[in-house]
Amino acid sequence: KKVGLVIIDEIHLLGADRGPILEVIVSRMRYIAGQTDRHIRFVGLSTALANAQDLGAWLGISSAGLFNFKPSVRPVPLEAHIQGFPGKFYCPRMASMNKPAYAAIQMHSPLKPVLVFVSSRRQTRMTALDLITCAVGNDKPQQWVHMAEDELEEVCASVKDSALKHTLQFGIGLHHAGLNDRDRTLVETLFVEGAIQILVATSTLAWGVNTPAHLVIIKGTEYYDAPTKRYIDFPITDVLQMMGRAGRPQYDRHGCAVIMVHEPKKQFYKRFLYEPFPVESSLANQAPPNPSYYDLHDTSPEALSDYLSSLVRGSLEALESAGCITLGGEDEEGGGMVEPTTAGRVASFYYLRHTTMEVFARNLGPDQQVPDILQVLCAAPEYDELPVRHNEDKLNNLIARNTGAVRVQVDMRALDDPHTKASLLLQSHMSRAPLPISDYITDTKGVLDNSLRILQAMVDVAADSGWLETALSTINLIQSLMQGRWIEDCSLLTLPHITPEVASALASIGCG
């Protein structure tokens, strides 16, 4: 009730995955303001848009308060180069971009900071190593190092990641989610202060950290999508955000961006990088001005009403099928009765997908033990987006065959499935088994972050259903994940420096 100003940055992300959340927040704020007669001012910041008037109308902004500039208008002018690369297969095509990337650095930014964006953690390492090879071949191995030798040695000694330690010696930093917080912060500091000239990063850096550079190289505009098991294009908003890192205010008179794309997509990017692009709502209906986008052939009021009714009906039926709501008869005002169920309230409270509650309804039951709960947990749709990268099915196979670490068997025919990987990571965590690559450490953190709220929801569902044994088993699994130990392990193992051998020796003298 005390909010009088709402500032929304990157409002063009309405068309992205999190767009509906932003729309709900704004719509609720406007509704509350209308009901309480309190004026709330909205300020939206965005890239250039083709349908800025639609966005302004949704925010309640009149033409007097709407400013839509051309894409070329920016504090530091941007010079963009789009290069097309042939080749049907992704990895060879990415490899073919490394020498042109080195040439772009030499041409456009031989002395100023350079950001190289790639699609994956593995590509950060491979790209950095190829750039080092090019620099050594050109007899300039130290051209990107801008600090004293003793200082460089001290920095490298403090780095934990072996690949980063190697690349830093040549003035190249790596930045991705697989690094620990200390290494990541160190790399950011070195790059911002100019101690290293090149930073090879995944696309997430474009959103999370303010590290502008004179030259930005976007090495490929595709990434591997685990659920569909294929390479798909970055959203155009991500490409624009990466390009936006080029040009340092107060330091540069202009910035430079080199976008390396698959040859067939070159014209597409030429168009969208120089023209405003439209943003479509995920909640509000833009059917009258954009009927083809919604596959509508009739834009009469009756047809639009039927279309919107079908959308609402489909959503309500999906929620009812998942057991989150019940649909009844008409209320006093003639509308349909919609009542939330316990499952619906639990899903809302713990911010879970309605399909997760459907998984609970199918698989949870009375008298279930920890292995059963673990399988239900890993089947949750929240793990659909867990990345299973190229050839990680082979690593999953190695983990699955480690009978000392994996006590609950997984489907050996689905080793490339994100839910199988989630199970293997959680079991390795409770067994304190070493993981094959550093990427798995970061993946484990993400799996654990999701597990707690899913399991707490399972406790609520089991308690509401009167399943005491199932609720206790779920609580035991929560405790196991928090401590990083199986519930049947000796409790002494949770103490520092206590190994299974020490625990056995203590038990033999009555201290277990």
Protein backbone atom coordinates (compact mmCIF):
# COMPACT_ATOMS: atom_id res chain seq x y z
CA LYS A 1 0.00 0.00 0.00
CA LYS A 2 2.99 2.29 0.47
CA VAL A 3 4.41 1.74 -3.04
CA GLY A 4 4.16 4.84 -5.24
CA LEU A 5 6.76 4.12 -7.94
CA VAL A 6 7.52 0.90 -9.86
CA ILE A 7 10.61 0.82 -12.10
CA ILE A 8 10.89 -2.13 -14.47
CA ASP A 9 14.21 -2.71 -16.23
CA GLU A 10 14.51 -4.92 -19.35
CA ILE A 11 10.75 -4.80 -19.85
CA HIS A 12 11.15 -6.35 -23.31
CA LEU A 13 11.63 -9.67 -21.47
CA LEU A 14 7.84 -9.89 -21.30
CA GLY A 15 8.12 -12.21 -24.28
CA ALA A 16 10.67 -14.48 -22.56
CA ASP A 17 10.18 -17.40 -20.15
CA ARG A 18 9.72 -15.20 -17.08
CA GLY A 19 7.45 -12.75 -18.87
CA PRO A 20 4.22 -14.07 -17.32
CA ILE A 21 5.59 -13.47 -13.81
CA LEU A 22 6.40 -9.86 -14.64
CA GLU A 23 2.97 -9.41 -16.21
CA VAL A 24 1.19 -10.78 -13.14
CA ILE A 25 3.16 -8.46 -10.84
CA VAL A 26 2.36 -5.37 -12.90
CA SER A 27 -1.29 -6.34 -13.41
CA ARG A 28 -1.76 -6.90 -9.67
CA MET A 29 -0.10 -3.58 -8.85
CA ARG A 30 -2.42 -1.76 -11.25
CA TYR A 31 -5.47 -3.62 -9.91
CA ILE A 32 -4.57 -2.81 -6.29
CA ALA A 33 -3.99 0.83 -7.22
CA GLY A 34 -7.40 0.97 -8.89
CA GLN A 35 -9.16 -0.61 -5.92
CA THR A 36 -7.47 1.62 -3.31
CA ASP A 37 -7.57 4.84 -5.36
CA ARG A 38 -3.81 5.19 -4.92
CA HIS A 39 -1.77 6.48 -7.84
CA ILE A 40 1.22 4.29 -8.77
CA ARG A 41 3.69 5.56 -11.33
CA PHE A 42 5.27 3.01 -13.69
CA VAL A 43 8.62 3.55 -15.40
CA GLY A 44 9.61 0.90 -17.94
CA LEU A 45 13.07 0.62 -19.53
CA SER A 46 13.54 -1.43 -22.67
CA THR A 47 15.40 -1.87 -25.90
CA ALA A 48 13.78 -0.42 -29.03
CA LEU A 49 10.36 -1.99 -29.69
CA ALA A 50 8.17 -2.21 -32.77
CA ASN A 51 4.96 -2.16 -30.68
CA ALA A 52 5.89 0.29 -27.93
CA GLN A 53 2.37 1.78 -28.03
CA ASP A 54 0.86 -1.58 -27.01
CA LEU A 55 3.26 -1.83 -24.08
CA GLY A 56 2.54 1.75 -23.03
CA ALA A 57 -1.22 1.16 -23.13
CA TRP A 58 -0.81 -1.91 -20.92
CA LEU A 59 1.16 0.12 -18.36
CA GLY A 60 -1.35 2.97 -18.55
CA ILE A 61 1.17 5.35 -20.12
CA SER A 62 -0.11 8.00 -22.51
CA SER A 63 1.71 9.05 -25.67
CA ALA A 64 3.13 12.06 -23.79
CA GLY A 65 5.11 9.74 -21.53
CA LEU A 66 6.19 7.24 -24.21
CA PHE A 67 9.69 7.53 -25.69
CA ASN A 68 10.78 4.92 -28.24
CA PHE A 69 14.21 5.49 -29.76
CA LYS A 70 15.83 3.75 -32.72
CA PRO A 71 18.18 0.81 -31.99
CA SER A 72 21.10 2.98 -33.12
CA VAL A 73 20.53 5.47 -30.29
CA ARG A 74 22.80 4.53 -27.35
CA PRO A 75 25.24 6.37 -25.04
CA VAL A 76 28.23 4.83 -26.85
CA PRO A 77 27.75 4.25 -30.62
CA LEU A 78 28.02 0.59 -31.59
CA GLU A 79 29.70 -0.81 -34.67
CA ALA A 80 28.32 -4.31 -35.43
CA HIS A 81 29.78 -6.98 -37.73
CA ILE A 82 27.89 -10.17 -38.55
CA GLN A 83 29.95 -13.11 -39.86
CA GLY A 84 28.39 -16.27 -41.26
CA PHE A 85 29.99 -19.70 -40.92
CA PRO A 86 28.98 -22.78 -42.93
CA GLY A 87 28.85 -26.30 -41.56
CA LYS A 88 26.01 -28.57 -40.58
CA PHE A 89 27.46 -29.81 -37.28
CA TYR A 90 27.72 -27.61 -34.21
CA CYS A 91 31.11 -28.50 -32.68
CA PRO A 92 33.20 -28.25 -35.90
CA ARG A 93 31.43 -24.97 -36.70
CA MET A 94 32.32 -23.57 -33.26
CA ALA A 95 35.94 -24.65 -33.73
CA SER A 96 36.07 -22.88 -37.10
CA MET A 97 35.19 -19.59 -35.36
CA ASN A 98 38.24 -19.47 -33.09
CA LYS A 99 40.81 -18.13 -35.59
CA PRO A 100 38.39 -15.45 -36.88
CA ALA A 101 37.75 -14.52 -33.21
CA TYR A 102 41.48 -14.03 -32.69
CA ALA A 103 41.67 -11.97 -35.89
CA ALA A 104 38.73 -9.81 -34.70
CA ILE A 105 40.57 -9.10 -31.43
CA GLN A 106 43.72 -8.07 -33.31
CA MET A 107 41.75 -5.84 -35.68
CA HIS A 108 39.17 -4.18 -33.43
CA SER A 109 40.61 -4.28 -29.90
CA PRO A 110 44.30 -5.21 -29.70
CA LEU A 111 44.80 -3.24 -26.47
CA LYS A 112 41.31 -2.75 -24.99
CA PRO A 113 39.09 -5.21 -23.02
CA VAL A 114 37.36 -7.99 -24.95
CA LEU A 115 34.35 -10.13 -23.96
CA VAL A 116 33.84 -13.42 -25.80
CA PHE A 117 30.42 -14.99 -25.23
CA VAL A 118 29.95 -18.73 -25.82
CA SER A 119 27.11 -21.15 -25.20
CA SER A 120 28.51 -23.52 -22.56
CA ARG A 121 31.13 -23.96 -19.87
CA ARG A 122 32.99 -26.44 -22.04
CA GLN A 123 33.12 -23.91 -24.86
CA THR A 124 34.71 -21.34 -22.53
CA ARG A 125 37.66 -23.68 -21.98
CA MET A 126 37.98 -24.76 -25.61
CA THR A 127 37.75 -21.19 -26.92
CA ALA A 128 40.32 -19.87 -24.44
CA LEU A 129 42.77 -22.66 -25.29
CA ASP A 130 42.44 -21.98 -29.03
CA LEU A 131 42.98 -18.25 -28.49
CA ILE A 132 46.13 -19.08 -26.51
CA THR A 133 47.32 -21.32 -29.36
CA CYS A 134 46.80 -18.47 -31.84
CA ALA A 135 48.66 -16.01 -29.60
CA VAL A 136 51.61 -18.38 -29.12
CA GLY A 137 51.71 -19.07 -32.85
CA ASN A 138 51.88 -15.32 -33.42
CA ASP A 139 54.79 -15.01 -30.92
CA LYS A 140 52.66 -12.89 -28.57
CA PRO A 141 51.82 -15.23 -25.66
CA GLN A 142 51.77 -12.44 -23.05
CA GLN A 143 50.01 -9.75 -25.11
CA TRP A 144 46.85 -9.88 -22.94
CA VAL A 145 48.58 -9.88 -19.55
CA HIS A 146 48.68 -6.42 -17.93
CA MET A 147 50.17 -7.06 -14.48
CA ALA A 148 53.58 -7.80 -13.01
CA GLU A 149 54.90 -11.36 -13.18
CA ASP A 150 55.06 -11.81 -9.41
CA GLU A 151 51.49 -10.53 -9.09
CA LEU A 152 50.36 -12.98 -11.78
CA GLU A 153 52.00 -15.87 -9.94
CA GLU A 154 50.27 -14.85 -6.71
CA VAL A 155 46.90 -14.66 -8.46
CA CYS A 156 47.32 -18.06 -10.14
CA ALA A 157 48.33 -19.66 -6.84
CA SER A 158 45.03 -18.59 -5.27
CA VAL A 159 42.86 -20.03 -8.08
CA LYS A 160 41.21 -23.42 -7.52
CA ASP A 161 39.97 -24.21 -11.05
CA SER A 162 42.81 -25.80 -13.06
CA ALA A 163 41.61 -24.56 -16.47
CA LEU A 164 41.28 -20.98 -15.17
CA LYS A 165 44.71 -21.17 -13.55
CA HIS A 166 46.20 -22.09 -16.94
CA THR A 167 44.40 -19.45 -19.03
CA LEU A 168 45.10 -16.61 -16.59
CA GLN A 169 48.82 -17.01 -17.30
CA PHE A 170 48.05 -15.75 -20.81
CA GLY A 171 45.72 -12.91 -19.78
CA ILE A 172 42.48 -14.81 -20.48
CA GLY A 173 39.81 -15.31 -17.85
CA LEU A 174 36.94 -17.79 -17.78
CA HIS A 175 33.53 -17.00 -16.34
CA HIS A 176 30.75 -19.56 -15.91
CA ALA A 177 28.55 -21.09 -13.22
CA GLY A 178 30.99 -24.00 -12.73
CA LEU A 179 33.51 -21.77 -10.96
CA ASN A 180 33.37 -21.31 -7.21
CA ASP A 181 32.41 -17.87 -5.91
CA ARG A 182 35.97 -16.87 -5.04
CA ASP A 183 37.38 -17.72 -8.49
CA ARG A 184 34.47 -16.00 -10.23
CA THR A 185 34.84 -12.81 -8.17
CA LEU A 186 38.60 -12.80 -8.74
CA VAL A 187 38.18 -13.06 -12.53
CA GLU A 188 35.61 -10.26 -12.59
CA THR A 189 37.94 -8.01 -10.57
CA LEU A 190 40.96 -8.74 -12.77
CA PHE A 191 38.99 -8.00 -15.94
CA VAL A 192 37.34 -4.80 -14.67
CA GLU A 193 40.69 -3.48 -13.39
CA GLY A 194 42.39 -4.29 -16.70
CA ALA A 195 44.85 -6.86 -15.32
CA ILE A 196 43.65 -9.32 -17.96
CA GLN A 197 42.35 -8.27 -21.35
CA ILE A 198 40.17 -11.19 -22.49
CA LEU A 199 37.18 -12.73 -20.68
CA VAL A 200 35.50 -15.80 -22.18
CA ALA A 201 32.09 -16.22 -20.60
CA THR A 202 28.74 -17.95 -20.92
CA SER A 203 25.74 -15.82 -21.85
CA THR A 204 24.59 -15.50 -18.22
CA LEU A 205 27.33 -12.91 -17.65
CA ALA A 206 25.47 -10.52 -19.94
CA TRP A 207 22.59 -10.37 -17.44
CA GLY A 208 24.18 -10.81 -14.04
CA VAL A 209 27.40 -8.77 -13.91
CA ASN A 210 28.21 -5.30 -15.18
CA THR A 211 31.47 -5.91 -17.06
CA PRO A 212 31.45 -3.81 -20.22
CA ALA A 213 34.23 -4.13 -22.81
CA HIS A 214 35.34 -2.31 -25.93
CA LEU A 215 34.82 -5.39 -28.11
CA VAL A 216 32.19 -8.10 -27.70
CA ILE A 217 32.42 -11.31 -29.72
CA ILE A 218 29.34 -13.56 -29.72
CA LYS A 219 30.77 -16.90 -30.78
CA GLY A 220 27.68 -18.74 -31.95
CA THR A 221 24.03 -17.95 -31.34
CA GLU A 222 22.88 -21.48 -30.47
CA TYR A 223 22.96 -23.56 -27.30
CA TYR A 224 22.18 -27.17 -26.44
CA ASP A 225 18.66 -27.59 -25.05
CA ALA A 226 18.59 -30.72 -22.87
CA PRO A 227 14.80 -31.36 -22.88
CA THR A 228 14.59 -31.35 -26.69
CA LYS A 229 18.10 -32.84 -27.13
CA ARG A 230 19.03 -30.41 -29.89
CA TYR A 231 20.71 -27.06 -30.46
CA ILE A 232 18.36 -24.09 -30.49
CA ASP A 233 18.82 -20.33 -30.98
CA PHE A 234 19.36 -17.88 -28.16
CA PRO A 235 16.40 -15.52 -27.72
CA ILE A 236 17.04 -12.33 -29.67
CA THR A 237 16.85 -10.45 -26.33
CA ASP A 238 19.88 -12.42 -25.10
CA VAL A 239 21.86 -11.54 -28.23
CA LEU A 240 20.96 -7.86 -27.81
CA GLN A 241 21.96 -7.98 -24.14
CA MET A 242 25.35 -9.47 -25.03
CA MET A 243 25.89 -6.84 -27.71
CA GLY A 244 24.94 -4.18 -25.17
CA ARG A 245 28.11 -4.96 -23.19
CA ALA A 246 30.18 -3.43 -26.02
CA GLY A 247 31.31 0.15 -25.44
CA ARG A 248 32.40 1.45 -22.04
CA PRO A 249 30.82 4.79 -21.06
CA GLN A 250 33.48 7.36 -20.05
CA TYR A 251 36.20 5.24 -21.66
CA ASP A 252 35.18 4.59 -25.29
CA ARG A 253 33.90 6.82 -28.05
CA HIS A 254 32.42 3.75 -29.73
CA GLY A 255 32.02 0.03 -29.10
CA CYS A 256 32.35 -2.93 -31.43
CA ALA A 257 30.42 -6.20 -31.60
CA VAL A 258 31.20 -9.21 -33.79
CA ILE A 259 28.37 -11.72 -34.08
CA MET A 260 29.38 -15.12 -35.47
CA VAL A 261 26.35 -17.04 -36.72
CA HIS A 262 25.42 -20.06 -38.79
CA GLU A 263 25.48 -18.92 -42.43
CA PRO A 264 21.75 -19.55 -43.14
CA LYS A 265 20.78 -17.26 -40.22
CA LYS A 266 22.94 -14.31 -41.22
CA GLN A 267 20.15 -12.34 -42.89
CA PHE A 268 17.79 -12.97 -39.97
CA TYR A 269 20.21 -11.39 -37.50
CA LYS A 270 20.97 -8.51 -39.86
CA ARG A 271 17.29 -7.66 -39.81
CA PHE A 272 16.59 -7.97 -36.11
CA LEU A 273 19.77 -6.32 -34.88
CA TYR A 274 19.08 -3.15 -36.82
CA GLU A 275 15.29 -2.94 -36.50
CA PRO A 276 12.97 -2.75 -33.46
CA PHE A 277 11.36 -6.07 -32.65
CA PRO A 278 7.86 -6.74 -31.30
CA VAL A 279 7.12 -8.07 -27.82
CA GLU A 280 4.12 -10.36 -27.41
CA SER A 281 2.32 -10.77 -24.12
CA SER A 282 1.94 -14.14 -22.45
CA LEU A 283 -1.21 -13.06 -20.59
CA ALA A 284 -2.75 -10.03 -22.28
CA ASN A 285 -4.31 -10.66 -25.67
CA GLN A 286 -2.85 -8.95 -28.71
CA ALA A 287 -4.95 -10.93 -31.18
CA PRO A 288 -6.67 -8.01 -33.00
CA PRO A 289 -3.43 -6.36 -34.19
CA ASN A 290 -1.53 -9.66 -34.53
CA PRO A 291 -4.01 -12.39 -35.54
CA SER A 292 -1.50 -14.50 -37.47
CA TYR A 293 0.70 -14.82 -34.36
CA TYR A 294 -2.20 -16.58 -32.60
CA ASP A 295 -3.28 -18.55 -35.70
CA LEU A 296 -6.62 -16.70 -35.79
CA HIS A 297 -8.49 -16.33 -39.06
CA ASP A 298 -11.44 -14.40 -37.60
CA THR A 299 -10.94 -11.29 -35.43
CA SER A 300 -14.59 -10.52 -34.76
CA PRO A 301 -15.53 -9.88 -31.11
CA GLU A 302 -17.36 -13.23 -30.94
CA ALA A 303 -14.36 -15.15 -32.30
CA LEU A 304 -11.98 -13.38 -29.91
CA SER A 305 -14.30 -14.10 -26.98
CA ASP A 306 -14.43 -17.79 -27.93
CA TYR A 307 -10.64 -17.87 -28.27
CA LEU A 308 -10.07 -16.30 -24.84
CA SER A 309 -12.70 -18.57 -23.28
CA SER A 310 -10.92 -21.61 -24.70
CA LEU A 311 -7.61 -20.43 -23.19
CA VAL A 312 -9.21 -19.98 -19.75
CA ARG A 313 -11.07 -23.28 -20.04
CA GLY A 314 -7.90 -25.13 -21.02
CA SER A 315 -5.97 -23.70 -18.06
CA LEU A 316 -8.73 -24.54 -15.59
CA GLU A 317 -9.05 -28.08 -16.93
CA ALA A 318 -5.29 -28.60 -16.65
CA LEU A 319 -5.35 -27.41 -13.02
CA GLU A 320 -8.36 -29.61 -12.28
CA SER A 321 -6.68 -32.63 -13.87
CA ALA A 322 -3.61 -32.02 -11.68
CA GLY A 323 -5.85 -31.93 -8.58
CA CYS A 324 -5.07 -28.28 -7.80
CA ILE A 325 -8.63 -26.92 -8.10
CA THR A 326 -12.22 -28.12 -8.22
CA LEU A 327 -14.75 -26.75 -10.66
CA GLY A 328 -18.31 -26.49 -9.43
CA GLY A 329 -21.59 -24.92 -10.44
CA GLU A 330 -22.43 -21.25 -10.86
CA ASP A 331 -21.90 -18.74 -8.06
CA GLU A 332 -24.29 -15.94 -7.05
CA GLU A 333 -23.07 -13.71 -9.87
CA GLY A 334 -23.54 -16.37 -12.51
CA GLY A 335 -19.86 -17.24 -12.88
CA GLY A 336 -18.28 -20.67 -12.46
CA MET A 337 -17.19 -21.76 -8.99
CA VAL A 338 -13.41 -22.40 -8.72
CA GLU A 339 -12.12 -23.72 -5.40
CA PRO A 340 -8.44 -24.46 -4.61
CA THR A 341 -7.63 -27.88 -3.19
CA THR A 342 -4.95 -28.66 -0.61
CA ALA A 343 -2.64 -29.64 -3.45
CA GLY A 344 -3.29 -26.31 -5.14
CA ARG A 345 -2.52 -24.36 -1.99
CA VAL A 346 0.66 -26.38 -1.44
CA ALA A 347 1.79 -25.77 -5.03
CA SER A 348 1.17 -22.04 -4.64
CA PHE A 349 2.91 -21.80 -1.25
CA TYR A 350 6.06 -23.65 -2.36
CA TYR A 351 6.02 -22.19 -5.89
CA LEU A 352 5.73 -25.59 -7.60
CA ARG A 353 4.35 -26.45 -11.01
CA HIS A 354 0.86 -27.89 -11.11
CA THR A 355 2.27 -30.91 -12.94
CA THR A 356 4.44 -31.61 -9.89
CA MET A 357 1.29 -32.04 -7.81
CA GLU A 358 0.06 -34.45 -10.47
CA VAL A 359 3.28 -36.48 -10.00
CA PHE A 360 2.65 -36.52 -6.23
CA ALA A 361 -0.94 -37.70 -6.74
CA ARG A 362 0.20 -40.60 -8.94
CA ASN A 363 3.24 -41.73 -6.96
CA LEU A 364 2.87 -40.81 -3.28
CA GLY A 365 1.10 -43.27 -1.00
CA PRO A 366 1.08 -44.69 2.53
CA ASP A 367 4.05 -46.48 4.17
CA GLN A 368 6.68 -45.33 1.68
CA GLN A 369 10.39 -45.46 2.55
CA VAL A 370 13.31 -43.16 1.70
CA PRO A 371 14.12 -44.87 -1.67
CA ASP A 372 10.49 -44.42 -2.76
CA ILE A 373 10.49 -40.74 -1.74
CA LEU A 374 13.78 -40.17 -3.59
CA GLN A 375 12.27 -41.53 -6.80
CA VAL A 376 9.19 -39.29 -6.47
CA LEU A 377 11.41 -36.28 -5.76
CA CYS A 378 13.56 -36.86 -8.85
CA ALA A 379 10.48 -37.33 -11.04
CA ALA A 380 9.35 -33.75 -10.28
CA PRO A 381 9.01 -31.53 -13.39
CA GLU A 382 11.20 -28.93 -11.63
CA TYR A 383 14.14 -31.04 -12.84
CA ASP A 384 13.06 -31.00 -16.49
CA GLU A 385 15.53 -28.19 -17.22
CA LEU A 386 18.54 -29.81 -15.51
CA PRO A 387 21.17 -29.80 -18.29
CA VAL A 388 22.42 -33.11 -19.63
CA ARG A 389 25.27 -32.01 -21.84
CA HIS A 390 26.94 -33.74 -24.74
CA ASN A 391 28.42 -37.12 -23.69
CA GLU A 392 27.28 -36.73 -20.07
CA ASP A 393 25.28 -39.94 -20.43
CA LYS A 394 28.67 -41.72 -20.33
CA LEU A 395 29.58 -39.96 -17.09
CA ASN A 396 26.17 -40.83 -15.65
CA ASN A 397 26.84 -44.44 -16.57
CA LEU A 398 30.08 -44.40 -14.55
CA ILE A 399 28.30 -42.93 -11.51
CA ALA A 400 25.39 -45.38 -11.79
CA ARG A 401 27.78 -48.35 -11.71
CA ASN A 402 29.36 -47.13 -8.48
CA THR A 403 27.34 -49.33 -6.12
CA GLY A 404 29.00 -47.77 -3.09
CA ALA A 405 27.56 -44.37 -3.93
CA VAL A 406 24.31 -45.24 -5.71
CA ARG A 407 22.03 -47.23 -3.39
CA VAL A 408 18.78 -46.61 -5.28
CA GLN A 409 18.98 -48.03 -8.78
CA VAL A 410 18.21 -45.84 -11.78
CA ASP A 411 17.00 -46.73 -15.26
CA MET A 412 20.19 -47.55 -17.20
CA ARG A 413 18.30 -46.94 -20.46
CA ALA A 414 17.63 -43.31 -19.52
CA LEU A 415 21.09 -42.03 -18.61
CA ASP A 416 20.57 -38.95 -20.76
CA ASP A 417 17.39 -38.04 -18.87
CA PRO A 418 17.61 -35.03 -16.49
CA HIS A 419 15.59 -36.85 -13.82
CA THR A 420 18.05 -39.77 -13.85
CA LYS A 421 20.92 -37.30 -13.51
CA ALA A 422 19.15 -35.60 -10.58
CA SER A 423 18.91 -38.94 -8.77
CA LEU A 424 22.59 -39.73 -9.38
CA LEU A 425 23.71 -36.31 -8.16
CA LEU A 426 21.60 -36.46 -4.98
CA GLN A 427 22.82 -39.98 -4.18
CA SER A 428 26.44 -39.00 -4.81
CA HIS A 429 25.91 -36.05 -2.46
CA MET A 430 24.61 -38.27 0.33
CA SER A 431 27.41 -40.79 -0.27
CA ARG A 432 29.98 -37.97 -0.46
CA ALA A 433 31.32 -39.58 -3.62
CA PRO A 434 33.65 -37.60 -5.92
CA LEU A 435 32.06 -36.21 -9.08
CA PRO A 436 33.70 -36.66 -12.50
CA ILE A 437 33.77 -33.00 -13.62
CA SER A 438 33.38 -29.56 -12.03
CA ASP A 439 30.14 -28.93 -13.94
CA TYR A 440 28.48 -31.63 -11.83
CA ILE A 441 29.33 -29.74 -8.64
CA THR A 442 27.34 -26.72 -9.82
CA ASP A 443 24.55 -28.96 -11.09
CA THR A 444 24.36 -30.62 -7.66
CA LYS A 445 23.92 -27.22 -6.02
CA GLY A 446 20.99 -26.46 -8.32
CA VAL A 447 19.38 -29.86 -7.68
CA LEU A 448 19.73 -29.41 -3.92
CA ASP A 449 18.26 -25.89 -4.04
CA ASN A 450 15.09 -27.27 -5.64
CA SER A 451 14.90 -30.42 -3.51
CA LEU A 452 14.10 -28.72 -0.20
CA ARG A 453 10.88 -26.99 -1.25
CA ILE A 454 9.72 -30.05 -3.20
CA LEU A 455 10.26 -32.31 -0.19
CA GLN A 456 8.59 -29.85 2.18
CA ALA A 457 5.58 -29.89 -0.13
CA MET A 458 5.62 -33.70 -0.03
CA VAL A 459 5.59 -33.58 3.78
CA ASP A 460 2.49 -31.37 3.68
CA VAL A 461 0.73 -33.64 1.18
CA ALA A 462 1.58 -36.77 3.19
CA ALA A 463 0.47 -35.17 6.46
CA ASP A 464 -2.80 -33.98 4.94
CA SER A 465 -3.46 -37.51 3.65
CA GLY A 466 -2.67 -39.10 7.05
CA TRP A 467 0.39 -41.02 5.80
CA LEU A 468 2.64 -40.90 8.88
CA GLU A 469 5.30 -43.33 7.60
CA THR A 470 5.59 -41.45 4.30
CA ALA A 471 5.86 -38.09 6.08
CA LEU A 472 8.61 -39.41 8.39
CA SER A 473 10.51 -40.91 5.44
CA THR A 474 10.36 -37.57 3.64
CA ILE A 475 11.67 -35.77 6.72
CA ASN A 476 14.50 -38.33 6.95
CA LEU A 477 15.41 -37.64 3.32
CA ILE A 478 15.45 -33.88 3.99
CA GLN A 479 17.82 -34.49 6.90
CA SER A 480 20.02 -36.75 4.75
CA LEU A 481 20.33 -34.11 2.04
CA MET A 482 21.04 -31.36 4.57
CA GLN A 483 23.80 -33.41 6.24
CA GLY A 484 25.11 -35.05 3.08
CA ARG A 485 24.71 -38.53 4.60
CA TRP A 486 22.31 -41.44 4.17
CA ILE A 487 19.91 -41.81 7.08
CA GLU A 488 21.22 -45.30 7.91
CA ASP A 489 24.86 -44.12 8.08
CA CYS A 490 26.58 -43.74 11.43
CA SER A 491 25.73 -40.31 12.84
CA LEU A 492 29.39 -39.77 13.78
CA LEU A 493 30.20 -39.43 10.07
CA THR A 494 28.57 -35.99 10.03
CA LEU A 495 31.44 -34.72 12.22
CA PRO A 496 34.58 -33.28 10.58
CA HIS A 497 37.53 -35.67 10.08
CA ILE A 498 35.47 -38.73 11.04
CA THR A 499 35.96 -41.38 8.32
CA PRO A 500 34.12 -44.73 8.12
CA GLU A 501 37.26 -46.40 9.54
CA VAL A 502 37.37 -44.04 12.53
CA ALA A 503 33.62 -44.49 13.08
CA SER A 504 34.06 -48.29 13.08
CA ALA A 505 36.92 -48.06 15.57
CA LEU A 506 34.85 -45.85 17.87
CA ALA A 507 31.91 -48.23 17.58
CA SER A 508 34.13 -51.18 18.56
CA ILE A 509 34.90 -49.53 21.88
CA GLY A 510 31.32 -48.57 22.55
CA CYS A 511 31.48 -44.95 21.35
CA GLY A 512 29.39 -45.41 18.22
